[in-house]
Protein backbone atom coordinates (compact mmCIF):
# COMPACT_ATOMS: atom_id res chain seq x y z
CA MET A 1 49.41 1.56 101.04
CA ARG A 2 51.13 3.68 98.43
CA SER A 3 52.43 0.64 96.71
CA ASN A 4 48.68 -0.63 96.25
CA ASN A 5 47.91 2.75 94.71
CA ILE A 6 50.77 2.62 92.25
CA TRP A 7 49.45 -0.71 91.01
CA ILE A 8 45.82 0.35 90.72
CA LYS A 9 46.90 3.28 88.64
CA ILE A 10 49.20 1.02 86.39
CA ALA A 11 46.18 -1.52 85.89
CA SER A 12 43.77 1.24 85.14
CA PHE A 13 46.44 2.59 82.48
CA LEU A 14 46.58 -0.72 80.91
CA LEU A 15 43.05 -1.04 80.57
CA VAL A 16 42.65 2.03 78.79
CA VAL A 17 45.24 1.13 76.46
CA ILE A 18 43.75 -1.99 75.97
CA MET A 19 40.18 -0.46 75.31
CA LEU A 20 41.76 2.02 72.72
CA GLY A 21 43.66 -0.52 71.19
CA ALA A 22 40.46 -2.49 70.65
CA ILE A 23 38.86 0.49 68.99
CA GLY A 24 41.74 1.69 67.16
CA VAL A 25 42.12 -1.68 65.66
CA GLY A 26 38.39 -1.79 64.51
CA ILE A 27 38.84 1.47 62.81
CA TRP A 28 42.27 0.76 61.56
CA LEU A 29 40.72 -2.60 59.63
CA GLY A 30 38.02 -0.38 58.69
CA VAL A 31 40.74 2.09 56.78
CA GLU A 32 43.37 0.01 55.73
CA THR A 33 41.94 -3.07 55.12
CA ASP A 34 38.58 -2.12 53.63
CA GLY A 35 36.86 -4.30 56.56
CA PHE A 36 34.18 -1.94 56.32
CA ARG A 37 34.22 -1.02 52.89
CA ASP A 38 35.08 -4.17 50.84
CA TRP A 39 31.33 -5.72 50.62
CA SER A 40 32.41 -8.58 48.77
CA TYR A 41 32.93 -10.91 52.03
CA PHE A 42 29.65 -9.67 53.35
CA ASN A 43 27.62 -10.57 50.03
CA ASP A 44 29.03 -14.42 50.75
CA GLN A 45 27.55 -14.37 54.13
CA THR A 46 24.13 -12.95 52.58
CA GLU A 47 21.08 -15.13 53.78
CA GLN A 48 19.50 -16.62 50.59
CA SER A 49 15.57 -16.95 50.12
CA ASP A 50 14.22 -20.03 50.42
CA GLY A 51 12.32 -19.56 46.98
CA ASP A 52 13.39 -21.31 43.72
CA GLU A 53 15.52 -18.83 41.94
CA ASP A 54 14.88 -20.72 38.63
CA ASN A 55 11.23 -20.53 38.79
CA GLU A 56 10.03 -17.96 36.28
CA GLU A 57 6.65 -17.57 37.72
CA THR A 58 8.45 -16.25 40.94
CA PRO A 59 6.96 -13.04 41.49
CA SER A 60 9.23 -9.95 40.93
CA SER A 61 10.47 -7.95 44.06
CA GLY A 62 10.94 -4.73 41.76
CA VAL A 63 14.33 -4.27 43.37
CA THR A 64 17.72 -6.06 42.82
CA ASP A 65 21.11 -5.69 43.91
CA GLY A 66 24.06 -4.80 41.69
CA ASP A 67 24.35 -8.12 40.21
CA GLY A 68 20.67 -8.61 39.21
CA ASN A 69 19.72 -10.80 42.27
CA GLU A 70 16.38 -10.16 43.61
CA MET A 71 15.87 -8.56 47.08
CA ALA A 72 12.71 -9.05 48.96
CA SER A 73 11.20 -8.35 52.46
CA GLY A 74 11.82 -10.54 55.37
CA THR A 75 15.32 -11.11 54.30
CA ALA A 76 18.24 -9.37 55.88
CA TYR A 77 20.96 -8.56 53.06
CA ALA A 78 24.30 -7.38 53.48
CA LEU A 79 24.66 -4.02 52.16
CA PRO A 80 25.65 -4.24 48.69
CA ARG A 81 27.67 -1.66 46.57
CA ALA A 82 24.59 -0.89 44.49
CA MET A 83 20.74 -1.53 44.03
CA VAL A 84 18.31 -1.13 41.26
CA TYR A 85 14.50 -0.09 41.96
CA ALA A 86 12.20 -1.13 39.00
CA ALA A 87 9.13 -0.13 41.31
CA PRO A 88 7.93 1.64 44.31
CA THR A 89 7.84 -0.30 47.38
CA ALA A 90 4.11 0.01 47.61
CA GLN A 91 3.86 -1.54 44.17
CA SER A 92 6.39 -4.49 44.80
CA GLU A 93 4.89 -8.01 44.82
CA THR A 94 7.32 -9.30 47.18
CA ALA A 95 9.18 -6.44 48.73
CA SER A 96 6.26 -4.30 49.83
CA GLU A 97 7.47 -4.03 53.42
CA GLY A 98 11.01 -2.71 52.37
CA VAL A 99 14.35 -4.06 52.08
CA THR A 100 16.49 -4.76 55.03
CA VAL A 101 20.17 -4.23 54.83
CA THR A 102 23.01 -4.85 57.15
CA ALA A 103 26.26 -3.04 57.69
CA THR A 104 28.63 -5.35 59.25
CA VAL A 105 31.76 -3.80 61.30
CA LEU A 106 34.84 -5.55 61.78
CA PRO A 107 36.45 -6.71 63.84
CA GLU A 108 34.34 -8.63 66.29
CA THR A 109 36.17 -7.22 69.00
CA ALA A 110 35.44 -3.56 68.04
CA LEU A 111 33.69 -2.07 71.23
CA ASP A 112 31.26 0.25 69.32
CA LYS A 113 29.72 -1.05 66.12
CA SER A 114 26.74 1.26 65.57
CA VAL A 115 26.49 2.99 62.71
CA THR A 116 24.39 6.12 61.31
CA TRP A 117 22.47 5.97 58.01
CA SER A 118 21.78 8.80 55.54
CA VAL A 119 20.68 9.30 51.89
CA ALA A 120 21.48 11.98 49.44
CA PHE A 121 21.33 12.45 45.67
CA ALA A 122 24.53 11.94 43.87
CA ASP A 123 24.30 15.51 42.54
CA ALA A 124 21.83 17.36 44.11
CA GLU A 125 22.20 20.27 41.63
CA SER A 126 21.58 18.34 38.75
CA GLU A 127 18.48 19.49 36.69
CA TRP A 128 16.45 16.64 37.66
CA ALA A 129 17.31 16.90 41.65
CA VAL A 130 17.28 20.40 42.13
CA GLU A 131 14.86 21.60 44.89
CA LYS A 132 13.98 18.10 45.45
CA ASP A 133 14.04 16.60 48.93
CA VAL A 134 15.41 13.27 48.59
CA SER A 135 13.28 11.62 51.43
CA ASP A 136 10.21 12.07 49.11
CA TYR A 137 12.02 9.07 46.80
CA LEU A 138 14.01 6.97 49.37
CA THR A 139 13.92 6.77 52.99
CA VAL A 140 16.06 4.77 55.42
CA THR A 141 15.08 3.48 58.85
CA PRO A 142 17.29 2.10 61.06
CA ASP A 143 16.33 -0.79 63.40
CA GLU A 144 15.72 0.61 67.13
CA ASP A 145 17.91 -2.20 68.77
CA ASP A 146 20.69 -2.27 66.47
CA SER A 147 21.63 0.89 64.33
CA ARG A 148 23.62 -1.80 61.72
CA ILE A 149 20.30 -2.83 60.42
CA ALA A 150 18.05 -0.69 58.57
CA VAL A 151 14.83 -0.79 56.20
CA LEU A 152 15.02 1.29 52.72
CA THR A 153 11.76 2.07 51.33
CA CYS A 154 11.37 3.68 47.85
CA GLU A 155 8.43 5.92 47.82
CA GLN A 156 8.40 6.93 43.89
CA ALA A 157 10.55 6.92 40.88
CA PHE A 158 13.57 8.92 40.98
CA GLY A 159 15.70 10.60 37.92
CA GLU A 160 18.72 11.07 40.05
CA GLN A 161 21.08 8.50 41.51
CA ILE A 162 21.03 8.21 45.18
CA ILE A 163 23.59 7.37 47.60
CA LEU A 164 23.03 5.63 50.64
CA THR A 165 25.60 5.90 53.50
CA ALA A 166 26.49 3.96 56.61
CA ALA A 167 29.03 5.66 58.88
CA SER A 168 30.64 4.27 62.00
CA VAL A 169 29.78 6.22 64.90
CA ALA A 170 33.36 5.48 66.54
CA ASN A 171 34.90 7.30 63.74
CA PRO A 172 32.54 8.95 61.26
CA GLU A 173 35.00 9.16 58.34
CA VAL A 174 34.91 5.54 57.89
CA THR A 175 31.93 4.88 55.95
CA ALA A 176 30.67 2.46 53.29
CA THR A 177 28.18 3.45 50.43
CA CYS A 178 25.59 2.13 48.09
CA THR A 179 24.61 3.65 44.95
CA ILE A 180 20.86 3.28 44.05
CA ASP A 181 19.27 3.54 40.24
CA TYR A 182 16.06 3.57 39.36
CA ALA A 183 15.22 1.72 36.12
CA GLN A 184 13.23 2.66 33.22
CA THR A 185 10.69 0.21 32.56
CA VAL A 186 7.60 -0.87 30.12
CA THR A 187 4.56 0.86 31.22
CA SER A 188 1.93 0.00 28.76
CA VAL A 189 1.35 -2.11 25.51
CA THR A 190 -0.63 -1.71 22.71
CA VAL A 191 -1.31 -4.63 20.11
CA LYS A 192 -3.18 -4.32 17.03
CA ILE A 193 -3.92 -6.79 14.06
CA GLY A 194 -3.99 -4.44 11.00
CA ASN A 195 -7.00 -2.31 12.01
CA ILE A 196 -8.25 -4.56 14.84
CA ASP A 197 -7.41 -2.88 18.32
CA VAL A 198 -6.73 -6.04 20.57
CA VAL A 199 -8.28 -5.67 23.97
CA PRO A 200 -5.52 -6.79 26.68
CA GLY A 201 -7.10 -8.49 29.44
CA GLY A 202 -10.61 -9.18 27.70
CA ASN A 203 -12.18 -10.28 24.54
CA THR A 204 -11.11 -8.93 21.09
CA ASP A 205 -14.48 -9.35 18.99
CA VAL A 206 -13.93 -10.07 15.16
CA THR A 207 -15.96 -10.34 12.22
CA VAL A 208 -15.10 -12.91 9.87
CA ASP A 209 -15.89 -12.24 5.98
CA ILE A 210 -16.25 -15.22 3.98
CA GLY A 211 -17.29 -13.89 0.90
CA HIS A 212 -13.93 -12.58 -0.44
CA ASN A 213 -10.34 -12.06 0.33
CA ASN A 214 -9.96 -8.49 -0.12
CA THR A 215 -11.55 -7.16 2.97
CA ASP A 216 -9.85 -4.68 5.20
CA ARG A 217 -10.30 -6.48 8.18
CA GLY A 218 -7.19 -7.53 9.96
CA GLY A 219 -3.67 -7.38 8.64
CA GLU A 220 -0.10 -7.07 10.12
CA VAL A 221 0.45 -7.79 13.80
CA THR A 222 1.98 -4.89 15.55
CA VAL A 223 3.27 -4.18 18.96
CA GLU A 224 3.72 -0.46 20.55
CA TYR A 225 4.83 0.04 24.10
CA THR A 226 5.64 3.23 26.21
CA LEU A 227 8.47 3.25 28.72
CA SER A 228 8.75 5.57 32.00
CA GLU A 229 9.83 8.54 31.91
CA VAL A 230 11.35 9.22 35.23
CA TYR A 231 14.57 6.96 35.61
CA THR A 232 18.48 6.78 36.36
CA LEU A 233 19.16 3.61 34.15
CA ALA A 234 17.78 3.78 30.67
CA GLU A 235 16.32 0.56 29.04
CA SER A 236 18.95 -0.91 26.83
CA GLY A 237 16.56 -3.30 24.77
CA VAL A 238 13.21 -4.46 24.74
CA GLU A 239 11.79 -7.72 23.41
CA THR A 240 8.51 -8.40 22.09
CA ASN A 241 6.80 -11.50 21.49
CA VAL A 242 3.10 -12.42 20.61
CA GLY A 243 2.01 -15.83 20.47
CA LEU A 244 -1.39 -17.31 19.40
CA THR A 245 -2.44 -20.50 21.49
CA TYR A 246 -5.39 -22.86 21.36
CA GLU A 247 -6.56 -25.92 22.97
CA SER A 248 -7.84 -28.94 21.29
CA GLY A 249 -10.82 -30.64 22.52
CA ASP A 250 -11.52 -27.56 25.02
CA ALA A 251 -14.68 -28.26 26.46
CA SER A 252 -15.35 -24.44 27.01
CA GLY A 253 -16.30 -24.48 23.23
CA LYS A 254 -13.33 -22.62 21.29
CA TRP A 255 -13.68 -22.99 17.76
CA VAL A 256 -10.44 -24.49 17.02
CA ALA A 257 -12.11 -27.76 18.51
CA TYR A 258 -15.60 -28.34 18.32
CA SER A 259 -17.85 -31.43 17.95
CA GLY A 260 -21.13 -32.39 16.65
CA VAL A 261 -23.37 -35.43 15.53
CA THR A 262 -23.84 -36.65 12.26
CA ALA A 263 -26.17 -39.11 10.52
CA GLY A 264 -24.95 -42.61 10.07
CA SER A 265 -22.26 -42.32 12.94
CA PRO A 266 -23.87 -43.59 16.10
CA GLY A 267 -20.75 -42.91 18.31
CA GLY A 268 -20.77 -39.25 17.28
CA SER A 269 -18.10 -37.30 15.44
CA THR A 270 -15.64 -34.53 16.18
CA TYR A 271 -14.41 -31.92 13.95
CA ALA A 272 -10.92 -30.84 15.00
CA LEU A 273 -8.97 -27.88 13.59
CA THR A 274 -5.19 -27.87 14.24
CA TYR A 275 -3.72 -24.45 14.29
CA SER A 276 -0.54 -24.56 11.92
CA GLY A 277 1.78 -21.45 12.77
CA LEU A 278 2.38 -18.05 14.25
CA GLU A 279 3.90 -19.17 17.50
CA SER A 280 5.75 -15.58 17.48
CA ALA A 281 2.98 -13.40 15.70
CA VAL A 282 4.74 -10.22 15.50
CA GLY A 283 4.75 -8.90 11.85
CA GLU A 284 2.80 -11.93 10.78
CA THR A 285 -0.57 -11.10 8.64
CA ILE A 286 -3.86 -12.32 10.01
CA TYR A 287 -7.18 -11.20 7.89
CA PHE A 288 -10.48 -12.10 9.36
CA ASP A 289 -12.08 -13.39 6.07
CA THR A 290 -11.53 -16.68 4.29
CA ARG A 291 -7.76 -16.35 4.63
CA ILE A 292 -8.08 -17.09 8.23
CA PHE A 293 -8.90 -20.71 7.15
CA ASP A 294 -5.52 -21.04 5.70
CA GLN A 295 -4.08 -21.26 9.16
CA PHE A 296 -5.71 -24.42 9.90
CA ASP A 297 -5.60 -28.06 8.64
CA PHE A 298 -8.69 -29.59 8.75
CA ALA A 299 -9.43 -33.21 9.84
CA TYR A 300 -12.74 -34.96 10.45
CA THR A 301 -12.54 -37.87 12.75
CA VAL A 302 -15.25 -40.46 13.32
CA SER A 303 -15.17 -41.43 16.99
CA SER A 304 -15.98 -44.94 16.32
CA ALA A 305 -13.51 -47.76 16.92
CA PHE A 306 -14.44 -49.22 13.37
CA ALA A 307 -14.31 -46.19 11.34
CA GLU A 308 -11.33 -44.73 9.79
CA PRO A 309 -10.73 -40.79 9.85
CA GLU A 310 -11.44 -38.69 6.87
CA ASN A 311 -9.71 -35.67 5.69
CA ASP A 312 -12.88 -33.99 3.77
CA LEU A 313 -14.79 -32.20 6.80
CA PHE A 314 -17.10 -30.23 4.35
CA ALA A 315 -17.16 -32.66 1.62
CA ASP A 316 -20.64 -33.80 1.85
CA MET A 317 -22.15 -30.54 2.89
CA ASP A 318 -24.08 -28.01 0.82
CA ILE A 319 -24.19 -24.15 1.41
CA SER A 320 -26.62 -24.27 3.94
CA GLU A 321 -25.07 -26.77 6.06
CA VAL A 322 -21.98 -24.93 5.82
CA LYS A 323 -23.74 -21.77 6.66
CA ASP A 324 -25.60 -23.44 9.61
CA LEU A 325 -22.11 -25.00 11.12
CA LEU A 326 -20.23 -21.59 10.78
CA ALA A 327 -23.06 -19.47 12.23
CA GLY A 328 -23.13 -21.60 15.25
CA ARG A 329 -19.44 -20.93 15.97
CA THR A 330 -20.21 -17.27 16.50
CA GLY A 331 -19.60 -16.25 20.12
CA LYS A 332 -16.54 -18.81 20.46
CA ILE A 333 -12.90 -18.32 20.78
CA LEU A 334 -10.99 -18.56 17.53
CA TRP A 335 -7.80 -18.59 19.71
CA SER A 336 -6.15 -16.67 22.58
CA LEU A 337 -3.23 -13.94 21.82
CA ASN A 338 -0.74 -13.74 24.69
CA VAL A 339 1.46 -10.92 24.62
CA SER A 340 4.99 -10.49 26.26
CA VAL A 341 7.08 -7.14 26.29
CA SER A 342 10.20 -7.78 28.22
CA GLY A 343 12.86 -5.25 29.28
CA LYS A 344 16.08 -5.45 31.32
CA TYR A 345 14.11 -4.91 34.72
CA ASN A 346 10.29 -5.81 34.12
CA THR A 347 8.08 -7.68 31.90
CA TYR A 348 4.63 -6.57 30.80
CA THR A 349 2.38 -9.38 30.00
CA ALA A 350 -1.14 -9.35 28.52
CA GLN A 351 -3.90 -11.93 27.19
CA SER A 352 -6.84 -11.49 25.30
CA ASP A 353 -9.25 -14.00 23.52
CA ILE A 354 -10.06 -13.45 20.15
CA VAL A 355 -13.64 -14.21 19.61
CA LEU A 356 -15.64 -14.71 16.46
CA SER A 357 -18.74 -12.12 17.10
CA GLU A 358 -20.14 -12.31 13.48
CA ILE A 359 -19.78 -13.84 10.22
CA ASP A 360 -20.56 -11.70 7.13
CA GLY A 361 -20.42 -11.99 3.33
CA TRP A 362 -23.06 -14.81 2.77
CA ALA A 363 -24.86 -12.69 -0.10
CA GLU A 364 -21.54 -12.87 -2.31
CA VAL A 365 -21.03 -16.48 -1.82
CA GLU A 366 -22.22 -18.30 -5.14
CA ASP A 367 -20.23 -21.71 -4.65
CA ILE A 368 -18.14 -23.23 -2.14
CA GLN A 369 -15.25 -25.82 -2.86
CA LEU A 370 -13.64 -27.26 0.38
CA ASP A 371 -11.31 -30.02 1.25
CA LYS A 372 -8.49 -30.54 3.60
CA ASP A 373 -5.83 -28.73 1.77
CA GLU A 374 -8.14 -25.85 0.36
CA ILE A 375 -10.86 -23.95 1.15
CA ILE A 376 -11.93 -21.64 -1.44
CA PHE A 377 -15.30 -19.00 -1.20
CA GLN A 378 -15.87 -17.77 -4.96
């Protein structure tokens, strides 16, 4: 009986040694081999989104890892070394349910893989962070069934770096951290054509003066933008672009392509105006008077298989006919103006249709000379 008791004690002792060894190995790997700290291994194991990363139309999530990769809801990511928010979670297009991160604890034989999560300002005594509660800006919610999984939610912009920490329950001194920043972004854009305020998201009504070329309508295209005031990463460079587009033959009646029927042409006639420039209009000059016509090449095409195209659209018209033709264009779209202001972490886009609302200056028109290469009102 004594012999059996001795063997039982020995077996129990060996079991305890094995268990302590397994725990010790797990902690040792975490400290000595950076098994818990070296996230490069885990980044290689990150689940990839099914979306097309090269598709420029893919909605922005508003949050990226330290390498600039988008992070979206519905995918579990190995905890990166760094993250950057460009919008609160509630305003994100693809991460509105928060971002899920996972702490991987090695080795696989470790008996206790549970972790605890916490967030704190990198400098809680900084001018911006003092007397602020970090949980008002970023929250971390561990999974109820697996503490290694947690969901991050950005509540609002913050002006001090936040440190996310995952700590081993078995050995709280073994931790991994993720530095979280909030990026400065473009918040609004103002575009003017000289003294004409462009209306983003709507129509910009303009009056074209055909009487002279010294009107004060229009001018140089300028773009102004504002940047967010609360951030930890300052915007390093902003690119602006304003493009003018048109649709030749557009059935909606854009002025750059209109049609009409003339006598002697049973098949009808098409007046096509082809825009000749200003793909990037920032700094270019656009006046809403006769100089507007300098931006077009006029072509008159008879839609008959037996007729040759002509290039003298107004050659056979008198002043009254020209008046009628141009007056009938009011309410039509001259072109569409597209604005893009891109920073490192967001792009602000807007579109406005430049609409001919009125034609002015007829009283000053004494004579008209028009052909393909030259349009002069004098």
